[in-house]
Amino acid sequence: MDADAESSRPELPSGTATPVDNAPQPLMAFTWRDVWRGAWAAWGVFMLIVVGLLVAVTIVNPPSGTYASLEMLAFVFYIVGSAIVSAIVTVIMAPIARAIEQRLRYVASPGIHVAAFAALGAIVGVGFVVAVLAWSAQSGVFTGLENPVAAFVAVAIVAFSTSAGWAYGYGRARRARVGDDTQTREV
């Protein structure tokens, strides 16, 4: 661009927005840190629900008889197995959660975000149920997920945990920005 073209540009009054300033700003910008907070919060909610349900089932139907110690060992196995498998799934799914957040960053409604993450959790839950049922069919081990109500509850728990994790991440990110509307966040 030559000097004449530069000097012929009209000067904008002070404080006038330029086209760059008019670019849409993300309404919900989350950092990776926010995504990881939400992911681990979802894992924590999931584990609290799983442990709570296993304890409740054990209280209602306590182990007794010859196989009581084996049933208690299975109880511990379920908790440890759930913790390990769900932690691995959490790490694998975090980039997908980040991608969803990137696609929804211009959507202001928290309800749409919660629904998107509930759907992600439901997909993960269905995948889990299908994998357990396939393993059960191969090994002949009864898992309880053969019951459609139990399978539905398992999917609902994962969907709820995932959306609760998003809500926690959202709340933390929002609190970090309160009082500082000019804070720039990585998007």
C-alpha atoms as a PDB file:
ATOM      1  CA  MET A   1       0.000   0.000   0.000  1.00  0.00           C
ATOM      2  CA  ASP A   2       1.462   3.390  -0.901  1.00  0.00           C
ATOM      3  CA  ALA A   3       1.640   6.489   1.301  1.00  0.00           C
ATOM      4  CA  ASP A   4      -1.175   8.319  -0.598  1.00  0.00           C
ATOM      5  CA  ALA A   5      -3.628   5.472  -0.015  1.00  0.00           C
ATOM      6  CA  GLU A   6      -2.694   5.367   3.661  1.00  0.00           C
ATOM      7  CA  SER A   7      -3.169   9.120   4.090  1.00  0.00           C
ATOM      8  CA  SER A   8      -6.502   9.102   2.222  1.00  0.00           C
ATOM      9  CA  ARG A   9      -8.087   6.796   4.780  1.00  0.00           C
ATOM     10  CA  PRO A  10     -10.562   8.635   6.955  1.00  0.00           C
ATOM     11  CA  GLU A  11      -9.605   8.865  10.586  1.00  0.00           C
ATOM     12  CA  LEU A  12     -12.053   7.289  12.975  1.00  0.00           C
ATOM     13  CA  PRO A  13     -13.090   9.186  16.080  1.00  0.00           C
ATOM     14  CA  SER A  14     -11.500   7.981  19.283  1.00  0.00           C
ATOM     15  CA  GLY A  15     -13.320   4.966  20.762  1.00  0.00           C
ATOM     16  CA  THR A  16     -14.893   3.940  17.433  1.00  0.00           C
ATOM     17  CA  ALA A  17     -14.873   0.202  16.846  1.00  0.00           C
ATOM     18  CA  THR A  18     -12.837  -1.099  13.961  1.00  0.00           C
ATOM     19  CA  PRO A  19     -13.927  -4.153  11.965  1.00  0.00           C
ATOM     20  CA  VAL A  20     -11.552  -6.300  14.038  1.00  0.00           C
ATOM     21  CA  ASP A  21     -13.193  -5.041  17.235  1.00  0.00           C
ATOM     22  CA  ASN A  22     -16.596  -6.022  15.832  1.00  0.00           C
ATOM     23  CA  ALA A  23     -15.615  -9.671  15.456  1.00  0.00           C
ATOM     24  CA  PRO A  24     -17.927 -11.896  17.518  1.00  0.00           C
ATOM     25  CA  GLN A  25     -16.498 -12.723  20.901  1.00  0.00           C
ATOM     26  CA  PRO A  26     -16.974 -16.179  22.393  1.00  0.00           C
ATOM     27  CA  LEU A  27     -19.817 -16.143  24.878  1.00  0.00           C
ATOM     28  CA  MET A  28     -18.455 -19.152  26.739  1.00  0.00           C
ATOM     29  CA  ALA A  29     -14.719 -19.429  26.328  1.00  0.00           C
ATOM     30  CA  PHE A  30     -13.168 -22.325  28.203  1.00  0.00           C
ATOM     31  CA  THR A  31      -9.489 -23.022  28.661  1.00  0.00           C
ATOM     32  CA  TRP A  32      -8.003 -26.501  28.728  1.00  0.00           C
ATOM     33  CA  ARG A  33      -7.762 -26.079  32.479  1.00  0.00           C
ATOM     34  CA  ASP A  34     -11.534 -25.531  32.662  1.00  0.00           C
ATOM     35  CA  VAL A  35     -12.120 -28.630  30.515  1.00  0.00           C
ATOM     36  CA  TRP A  36      -9.883 -30.776  32.729  1.00  0.00           C
ATOM     37  CA  ARG A  37     -11.584 -29.454  35.858  1.00  0.00           C
ATOM     38  CA  GLY A  38     -14.946 -30.417  34.403  1.00  0.00           C
ATOM     39  CA  ALA A  39     -13.675 -33.811  33.253  1.00  0.00           C
ATOM     40  CA  TRP A  40     -12.283 -34.726  36.670  1.00  0.00           C
ATOM     41  CA  ALA A  41     -15.385 -33.355  38.366  1.00  0.00           C
ATOM     42  CA  ALA A  42     -17.465 -35.656  36.134  1.00  0.00           C
ATOM     43  CA  TRP A  43     -15.225 -38.567  37.148  1.00  0.00           C
ATOM     44  CA  GLY A  44     -15.665 -37.666  40.828  1.00  0.00           C
ATOM     45  CA  VAL A  45     -19.454 -37.414  40.536  1.00  0.00           C
ATOM     46  CA  PHE A  46     -19.542 -40.745  38.697  1.00  0.00           C
ATOM     47  CA  MET A  47     -17.439 -42.449  41.375  1.00  0.00           C
ATOM     48  CA  LEU A  48     -19.538 -41.009  44.210  1.00  0.00           C
ATOM     49  CA  ILE A  49     -22.699 -42.344  42.582  1.00  0.00           C
ATOM     50  CA  VAL A  50     -21.175 -45.771  41.831  1.00  0.00           C
ATOM     51  CA  VAL A  51     -19.791 -46.196  45.344  1.00  0.00           C
ATOM     52  CA  GLY A  52     -23.066 -44.947  46.847  1.00  0.00           C
ATOM     53  CA  LEU A  53     -25.100 -47.407  44.796  1.00  0.00           C
ATOM     54  CA  LEU A  54     -22.799 -50.322  45.604  1.00  0.00           C
ATOM     55  CA  VAL A  55     -22.918 -49.500  49.318  1.00  0.00           C
ATOM     56  CA  ALA A  56     -26.721 -49.179  49.192  1.00  0.00           C
ATOM     57  CA  VAL A  57     -27.065 -52.539  47.416  1.00  0.00           C
ATOM     58  CA  THR A  58     -24.736 -54.148  49.954  1.00  0.00           C
ATOM     59  CA  ILE A  59     -26.732 -52.707  52.862  1.00  0.00           C
ATOM     60  CA  VAL A  60     -30.069 -53.803  51.386  1.00  0.00           C
ATOM     61  CA  ASN A  61     -28.776 -57.239  50.400  1.00  0.00           C
ATOM     62  CA  PRO A  62     -25.790 -57.956  52.695  1.00  0.00           C
ATOM     63  CA  PRO A  63     -23.414 -60.747  51.788  1.00  0.00           C
ATOM     64  CA  SER A  64     -24.034 -63.856  53.814  1.00  0.00           C
ATOM     65  CA  GLY A  65     -23.313 -67.529  53.808  1.00  0.00           C
ATOM     66  CA  THR A  66     -20.488 -69.381  52.173  1.00  0.00           C
ATOM     67  CA  TYR A  67     -19.694 -66.749  49.546  1.00  0.00           C
ATOM     68  CA  ALA A  68     -19.847 -63.611  51.743  1.00  0.00           C
ATOM     69  CA  SER A  69     -16.114 -62.909  51.535  1.00  0.00           C
ATOM     70  CA  LEU A  70     -16.167 -63.482  47.768  1.00  0.00           C
ATOM     71  CA  GLU A  71     -19.056 -61.021  47.419  1.00  0.00           C
ATOM     72  CA  MET A  72     -17.135 -58.407  49.415  1.00  0.00           C
ATOM     73  CA  LEU A  73     -14.108 -58.976  47.189  1.00  0.00           C
ATOM     74  CA  ALA A  74     -16.344 -58.423  44.144  1.00  0.00           C
ATOM     75  CA  PHE A  75     -17.584 -55.199  45.780  1.00  0.00           C
ATOM     76  CA  VAL A  76     -13.998 -53.917  46.080  1.00  0.00           C
ATOM     77  CA  PHE A  77     -13.237 -55.115  42.526  1.00  0.00           C
ATOM     78  CA  TYR A  78     -16.222 -53.161  41.157  1.00  0.00           C
ATOM     79  CA  ILE A  79     -15.088 -49.973  42.896  1.00  0.00           C
ATOM     80  CA  VAL A  80     -11.433 -50.236  41.876  1.00  0.00           C
ATOM     81  CA  GLY A  81     -12.355 -51.368  38.359  1.00  0.00           C
ATOM     82  CA  SER A  82     -14.852 -48.530  37.982  1.00  0.00           C
ATOM     83  CA  ALA A  83     -12.268 -46.006  39.156  1.00  0.00           C
ATOM     84  CA  ILE A  84      -9.586 -47.214  36.755  1.00  0.00           C
ATOM     85  CA  VAL A  85     -11.803 -47.673  33.698  1.00  0.00           C
ATOM     86  CA  SER A  86     -13.645 -44.383  34.201  1.00  0.00           C
ATOM     87  CA  ALA A  87     -10.343 -42.498  34.719  1.00  0.00           C
ATOM     88  CA  ILE A  88      -9.035 -43.893  31.419  1.00  0.00           C
ATOM     89  CA  VAL A  89     -12.294 -42.965  29.668  1.00  0.00           C
ATOM     90  CA  THR A  90     -12.081 -39.473  31.209  1.00  0.00           C
ATOM     91  CA  VAL A  91      -8.600 -38.920  29.769  1.00  0.00           C
ATOM     92  CA  ILE A  92      -9.639 -40.259  26.354  1.00  0.00           C
ATOM     93  CA  MET A  93     -12.839 -38.189  26.216  1.00  0.00           C
ATOM     94  CA  ALA A  94     -11.347 -34.854  27.393  1.00  0.00           C
ATOM     95  CA  PRO A  95     -10.236 -33.829  23.864  1.00  0.00           C
ATOM     96  CA  ILE A  96     -13.744 -34.597  22.614  1.00  0.00           C
ATOM     97  CA  ALA A  97     -15.173 -32.448  25.420  1.00  0.00           C
ATOM     98  CA  ARG A  98     -12.786 -29.680  24.374  1.00  0.00           C
ATOM     99  CA  ALA A  99     -13.950 -29.988  20.756  1.00  0.00           C
ATOM    100  CA  ILE A 100     -17.584 -29.747  21.857  1.00  0.00           C
ATOM    101  CA  GLU A 101     -16.771 -26.642  23.889  1.00  0.00           C
ATOM    102  CA  GLN A 102     -15.032 -25.091  20.893  1.00  0.00           C
ATOM    103  CA  ARG A 103     -18.117 -25.699  18.731  1.00  0.00           C
ATOM    104  CA  LEU A 104     -20.435 -24.259  21.386  1.00  0.00           C
ATOM    105  CA  ARG A 105     -18.360 -21.254  22.458  1.00  0.00           C
ATOM    106  CA  TYR A 106     -20.735 -18.828  20.709  1.00  0.00           C
ATOM    107  CA  VAL A 107     -23.834 -20.408  22.288  1.00  0.00           C
ATOM    108  CA  ALA A 108     -24.849 -18.484  25.403  1.00  0.00           C
ATOM    109  CA  SER A 109     -27.411 -20.929  26.786  1.00  0.00           C
ATOM    110  CA  PRO A 110     -25.987 -23.150  29.554  1.00  0.00           C
ATOM    111  CA  GLY A 111     -28.910 -25.514  28.930  1.00  0.00           C
ATOM    112  CA  ILE A 112     -27.649 -26.312  25.433  1.00  0.00           C
ATOM    113  CA  HIS A 113     -24.173 -27.006  26.829  1.00  0.00           C
ATOM    114  CA  VAL A 114     -25.608 -29.251  29.564  1.00  0.00           C
ATOM    115  CA  ALA A 115     -27.686 -31.124  26.951  1.00  0.00           C
ATOM    116  CA  ALA A 116     -24.641 -31.563  24.703  1.00  0.00           C
ATOM    117  CA  PHE A 117     -22.592 -32.996  27.546  1.00  0.00           C
ATOM    118  CA  ALA A 118     -25.467 -35.175  28.747  1.00  0.00           C
ATOM    119  CA  ALA A 119     -25.635 -36.560  25.192  1.00  0.00           C
ATOM    120  CA  LEU A 120     -21.865 -37.168  25.225  1.00  0.00           C
ATOM    121  CA  GLY A 121     -22.244 -38.981  28.555  1.00  0.00           C
ATOM    122  CA  ALA A 122     -25.156 -41.034  27.222  1.00  0.00           C
ATOM    123  CA  ILE A 123     -23.078 -42.106  24.204  1.00  0.00           C
ATOM    124  CA  VAL A 124     -20.212 -43.111  26.502  1.00  0.00           C
ATOM    125  CA  GLY A 125     -22.683 -44.915  28.793  1.00  0.00           C
ATOM    126  CA  VAL A 126     -24.222 -46.864  25.915  1.00  0.00           C
ATOM    127  CA  GLY A 127     -20.725 -47.799  24.729  1.00  0.00           C
ATOM    128  CA  PHE A 128     -19.904 -49.010  28.227  1.00  0.00           C
ATOM    129  CA  VAL A 129     -23.092 -51.080  28.502  1.00  0.00           C
ATOM    130  CA  VAL A 130     -22.533 -52.641  25.070  1.00  0.00           C
ATOM    131  CA  ALA A 131     -18.902 -53.479  25.944  1.00  0.00           C
ATOM    132  CA  VAL A 132     -19.893 -55.046  29.290  1.00  0.00           C
ATOM    133  CA  LEU A 133     -22.696 -57.049  27.685  1.00  0.00           C
ATOM    134  CA  ALA A 134     -20.336 -58.308  24.971  1.00  0.00           C
ATOM    135  CA  TRP A 135     -17.800 -59.328  27.617  1.00  0.00           C
ATOM    136  CA  SER A 136     -20.571 -60.939  29.681  1.00  0.00           C
ATOM    137  CA  ALA A 137     -21.800 -62.943  26.689  1.00  0.00           C
ATOM    138  CA  GLN A 138     -18.263 -64.189  25.968  1.00  0.00           C
ATOM    139  CA  SER A 139     -17.330 -65.003  29.552  1.00  0.00           C
ATOM    140  CA  GLY A 140     -20.709 -66.182  30.814  1.00  0.00           C
ATOM    141  CA  VAL A 141     -20.448 -63.859  33.824  1.00  0.00           C
ATOM    142  CA  PHE A 142     -23.688 -62.207  34.915  1.00  0.00           C
ATOM    143  CA  THR A 143     -23.114 -58.452  35.341  1.00  0.00           C
ATOM    144  CA  GLY A 144     -26.576 -57.160  36.148  1.00  0.00           C
ATOM    145  CA  LEU A 145     -26.599 -54.977  33.042  1.00  0.00           C
ATOM    146  CA  GLU A 146     -28.585 -57.664  31.267  1.00  0.00           C
ATOM    147  CA  ASN A 147     -31.576 -56.092  33.010  1.00  0.00           C
ATOM    148  CA  PRO A 148     -32.793 -53.195  30.784  1.00  0.00           C
ATOM    149  CA  VAL A 149     -33.572 -51.034  33.833  1.00  0.00           C
ATOM    150  CA  ALA A 150     -30.026 -51.482  35.167  1.00  0.00           C
ATOM    151  CA  ALA A 151     -28.584 -50.687  31.726  1.00  0.00           C
ATOM    152  CA  PHE A 152     -30.724 -47.543  31.524  1.00  0.00           C
ATOM    153  CA  VAL A 153     -29.647 -46.468  35.021  1.00  0.00           C
ATOM    154  CA  ALA A 154     -25.980 -47.002  34.079  1.00  0.00           C
ATOM    155  CA  VAL A 155     -26.367 -44.800  30.984  1.00  0.00           C
ATOM    156  CA  ALA A 156     -28.258 -42.164  33.004  1.00  0.00           C
ATOM    157  CA  ILE A 157     -25.510 -42.090  35.654  1.00  0.00           C
ATOM    158  CA  VAL A 158     -22.833 -41.454  33.030  1.00  0.00           C
ATOM    159  CA  ALA A 159     -24.967 -38.795  31.296  1.00  0.00           C
ATOM    160  CA  PHE A 160     -25.696 -37.042  34.595  1.00  0.00           C
ATOM    161  CA  SER A 161     -22.049 -37.209  35.713  1.00  0.00           C
ATOM    162  CA  THR A 162     -20.820 -35.746  32.438  1.00  0.00           C
ATOM    163  CA  SER A 163     -23.260 -32.833  32.505  1.00  0.00           C
ATOM    164  CA  ALA A 164     -22.532 -32.231  36.211  1.00  0.00           C
ATOM    165  CA  GLY A 165     -18.828 -32.091  35.393  1.00  0.00           C
ATOM    166  CA  TRP A 166     -19.524 -29.483  32.703  1.00  0.00           C
ATOM    167  CA  ALA A 167     -21.593 -27.458  35.184  1.00  0.00           C
ATOM    168  CA  TYR A 168     -18.733 -27.541  37.696  1.00  0.00           C
ATOM    169  CA  GLY A 169     -16.206 -26.465  35.042  1.00  0.00           C
ATOM    170  CA  TYR A 170     -18.569 -23.712  33.903  1.00  0.00           C
ATOM    171  CA  GLY A 171     -19.067 -22.484  37.456  1.00  0.00           C
ATOM    172  CA  ARG A 172     -15.327 -22.396  38.122  1.00  0.00           C
ATOM    173  CA  ALA A 173     -14.616 -20.610  34.841  1.00  0.00           C
ATOM    174  CA  ARG A 174     -17.394 -18.106  35.511  1.00  0.00           C
ATOM    175  CA  ARG A 175     -16.154 -17.365  39.038  1.00  0.00           C
ATOM    176  CA  ALA A 176     -12.664 -16.805  37.624  1.00  0.00           C
ATOM    177  CA  ARG A 177     -14.064 -14.082  35.344  1.00  0.00           C
ATOM    178  CA  VAL A 178     -16.362 -12.356  37.851  1.00  0.00           C
ATOM    179  CA  GLY A 179     -15.301  -8.768  38.335  1.00  0.00           C
ATOM    180  CA  ASP A 180     -12.968  -8.846  35.347  1.00  0.00           C
ATOM    181  CA  ASP A 181     -14.968  -8.544  32.147  1.00  0.00           C
ATOM    182  CA  THR A 182     -11.828  -7.591  30.235  1.00  0.00           C
ATOM    183  CA  GLN A 183      -9.975 -10.781  31.108  1.00  0.00           C
ATOM    184  CA  THR A 184      -8.735 -12.510  27.978  1.00  0.00           C
ATOM    185  CA  ARG A 185      -9.273 -16.237  27.992  1.00  0.00           C
ATOM    186  CA  GLU A 186      -7.646 -18.780  25.739  1.00  0.00           C
ATOM    187  CA  VAL A 187     -10.170 -20.126  23.223  1.00  0.00           C
END
